[in-house]
Amino acid sequence: MNIKKPKNIDPNVQLIKGIGASSWFAIKSEGDLYRIERFSLDGELECSRIFRAEPNTFDINHEHEFTYISHCKECTILQNNRTYKFYTDEY
């Protein structure tokens, strides 16, 4: 199934395909923290929260890939053969 990226969302979003629901994810730095946004397949914003990375050596300027488990409370990103977990205190 070929899924087209909606034009109204950041061009750097990444798609995580899921069973039943797939979502687009985007990450931006905000000081020492990160804003991660999740969008529906149609480009509707589902959540936008501030996250901290563990470990704190994540480099947003290097290639990275969102993977499972990622949702509005916790996200997982792979970078340089390392798994980074992102957590939020916003609910």
C-alpha atoms as a PDB file:
ATOM      1  CA  MET A   1       0.000   0.000   0.000  1.00  0.00           C
ATOM      2  CA  ASN A   2       1.481   3.320  -1.109  1.00  0.00           C
ATOM      3  CA  ILE A   3       0.687   6.065   1.403  1.00  0.00           C
ATOM      4  CA  LYS A   4       1.120   9.669   0.297  1.00  0.00           C
ATOM      5  CA  LYS A   5       2.350  12.243   2.764  1.00  0.00           C
ATOM      6  CA  PRO A   6      -0.251  14.987   3.334  1.00  0.00           C
ATOM      7  CA  LYS A   7       0.912  18.387   2.074  1.00  0.00           C
ATOM      8  CA  ASN A   8      -0.111  20.207   5.267  1.00  0.00           C
ATOM      9  CA  ILE A   9       2.483  18.541   7.541  1.00  0.00           C
ATOM     10  CA  ASP A  10       6.249  18.916   7.952  1.00  0.00           C
ATOM     11  CA  PRO A  11       8.099  17.423   4.969  1.00  0.00           C
ATOM     12  CA  ASN A  12      10.455  15.573   7.341  1.00  0.00           C
ATOM     13  CA  VAL A  13       7.749  13.454   8.986  1.00  0.00           C
ATOM     14  CA  GLN A  14       8.250   9.715   9.139  1.00  0.00           C
ATOM     15  CA  LEU A  15       5.545   7.110   8.742  1.00  0.00           C
ATOM     16  CA  ILE A  16       5.166   4.241  11.172  1.00  0.00           C
ATOM     17  CA  LYS A  17       2.848   1.647   9.682  1.00  0.00           C
ATOM     18  CA  GLY A  18       0.686  -0.097  12.220  1.00  0.00           C
ATOM     19  CA  ILE A  19      -1.957  -2.757  12.400  1.00  0.00           C
ATOM     20  CA  GLY A  20      -5.240  -0.887  12.267  1.00  0.00           C
ATOM     21  CA  ALA A  21      -3.670   2.578  12.425  1.00  0.00           C
ATOM     22  CA  SER A  22      -0.571   4.143  10.937  1.00  0.00           C
ATOM     23  CA  SER A  23       0.778   7.549  11.955  1.00  0.00           C
ATOM     24  CA  TRP A  24       3.201  10.216  10.824  1.00  0.00           C
ATOM     25  CA  PHE A  25       5.793  11.435  13.375  1.00  0.00           C
ATOM     26  CA  ALA A  26       7.896  14.609  13.425  1.00  0.00           C
ATOM     27  CA  ILE A  27      10.557  15.754  15.899  1.00  0.00           C
ATOM     28  CA  LYS A  28      12.004  19.222  16.553  1.00  0.00           C
ATOM     29  CA  SER A  29      14.415  20.399  19.230  1.00  0.00           C
ATOM     30  CA  GLU A  30      13.261  22.809  21.916  1.00  0.00           C
ATOM     31  CA  GLY A  31      16.289  23.610  24.041  1.00  0.00           C
ATOM     32  CA  ASP A  32      17.483  20.402  25.716  1.00  0.00           C
ATOM     33  CA  LEU A  33      14.112  18.752  25.003  1.00  0.00           C
ATOM     34  CA  TYR A  34      12.211  17.710  21.895  1.00  0.00           C
ATOM     35  CA  ARG A  35       8.743  18.376  20.546  1.00  0.00           C
ATOM     36  CA  ILE A  36       7.295  15.272  18.956  1.00  0.00           C
ATOM     37  CA  GLU A  37       4.099  15.517  16.958  1.00  0.00           C
ATOM     38  CA  ARG A  38       1.958  12.659  15.755  1.00  0.00           C
ATOM     39  CA  PHE A  39      -0.384  13.035  12.796  1.00  0.00           C
ATOM     40  CA  SER A  40      -3.066  10.783  11.352  1.00  0.00           C
ATOM     41  CA  LEU A  41      -2.645   9.426   7.836  1.00  0.00           C
ATOM     42  CA  ASP A  42      -4.769  12.368   6.662  1.00  0.00           C
ATOM     43  CA  GLY A  43      -2.423  14.881   8.311  1.00  0.00           C
ATOM     44  CA  GLU A  44      -4.602  15.721  11.311  1.00  0.00           C
ATOM     45  CA  LEU A  45      -2.570  16.563  14.429  1.00  0.00           C
ATOM     46  CA  GLU A  46      -3.239  13.903  17.068  1.00  0.00           C
ATOM     47  CA  CYS A  47      -0.770  15.094  19.709  1.00  0.00           C
ATOM     48  CA  SER A  48       2.116  17.506  20.202  1.00  0.00           C
ATOM     49  CA  ARG A  49       4.169  17.155  23.383  1.00  0.00           C
ATOM     50  CA  ILE A  50       7.567  17.898  24.878  1.00  0.00           C
ATOM     51  CA  PHE A  51       9.793  14.835  25.404  1.00  0.00           C
ATOM     52  CA  ARG A  52      13.152  14.100  27.019  1.00  0.00           C
ATOM     53  CA  ALA A  53      15.537  11.585  25.444  1.00  0.00           C
ATOM     54  CA  GLU A  54      17.098   8.638  27.269  1.00  0.00           C
ATOM     55  CA  PRO A  55      19.995   8.378  26.897  1.00  0.00           C
ATOM     56  CA  ASN A  56      20.522  12.095  26.396  1.00  0.00           C
ATOM     57  CA  THR A  57      23.062  11.650  23.570  1.00  0.00           C
ATOM     58  CA  PHE A  58      20.462  11.747  20.758  1.00  0.00           C
ATOM     59  CA  ASP A  59      21.542  14.092  17.933  1.00  0.00           C
ATOM     60  CA  ILE A  60      18.591  15.486  16.015  1.00  0.00           C
ATOM     61  CA  ASN A  61      20.937  16.584  13.212  1.00  0.00           C
ATOM     62  CA  HIS A  62      21.912  13.007  12.350  1.00  0.00           C
ATOM     63  CA  GLU A  63      19.826  10.436  10.516  1.00  0.00           C
ATOM     64  CA  HIS A  64      17.232   8.770  12.717  1.00  0.00           C
ATOM     65  CA  GLU A  65      14.164   6.565  12.372  1.00  0.00           C
ATOM     66  CA  PHE A  66      10.990   6.390  14.456  1.00  0.00           C
ATOM     67  CA  THR A  67      10.026   2.830  15.325  1.00  0.00           C
ATOM     68  CA  TYR A  68       7.768   0.850  17.672  1.00  0.00           C
ATOM     69  CA  ILE A  69       6.676   1.609  20.368  1.00  0.00           C
ATOM     70  CA  SER A  70       5.762   5.201  19.566  1.00  0.00           C
ATOM     71  CA  HIS A  71       2.641   7.036  20.671  1.00  0.00           C
ATOM     72  CA  CYS A  72       1.635  10.224  22.511  1.00  0.00           C
ATOM     73  CA  LYS A  73       3.302   9.278  25.829  1.00  0.00           C
ATOM     74  CA  GLU A  74       6.446   7.466  24.674  1.00  0.00           C
ATOM     75  CA  CYS A  75       8.415   7.298  21.437  1.00  0.00           C
ATOM     76  CA  THR A  76      11.281   5.160  20.210  1.00  0.00           C
ATOM     77  CA  ILE A  77      13.908   6.321  17.731  1.00  0.00           C
ATOM     78  CA  LEU A  78      16.801   4.367  16.238  1.00  0.00           C
ATOM     79  CA  GLN A  79      20.037   6.215  15.503  1.00  0.00           C
ATOM     80  CA  ASN A  80      23.528   4.820  14.831  1.00  0.00           C
ATOM     81  CA  ASN A  81      22.502   1.296  15.935  1.00  0.00           C
ATOM     82  CA  ARG A  82      21.261   2.679  19.248  1.00  0.00           C
ATOM     83  CA  THR A  83      17.721   2.829  20.624  1.00  0.00           C
ATOM     84  CA  TYR A  84      16.565   6.096  22.164  1.00  0.00           C
ATOM     85  CA  LYS A  85      13.426   6.295  24.272  1.00  0.00           C
ATOM     86  CA  PHE A  86      11.558   9.577  24.527  1.00  0.00           C
ATOM     87  CA  TYR A  87       9.286  10.236  27.503  1.00  0.00           C
ATOM     88  CA  THR A  88       6.880  13.025  28.310  1.00  0.00           C
ATOM     89  CA  ASP A  89       5.393  14.267  31.572  1.00  0.00           C
ATOM     90  CA  GLU A  90       2.483  15.906  29.710  1.00  0.00           C
ATOM     91  CA  TYR A  91      -0.794  14.010  29.811  1.00  0.00           C
END
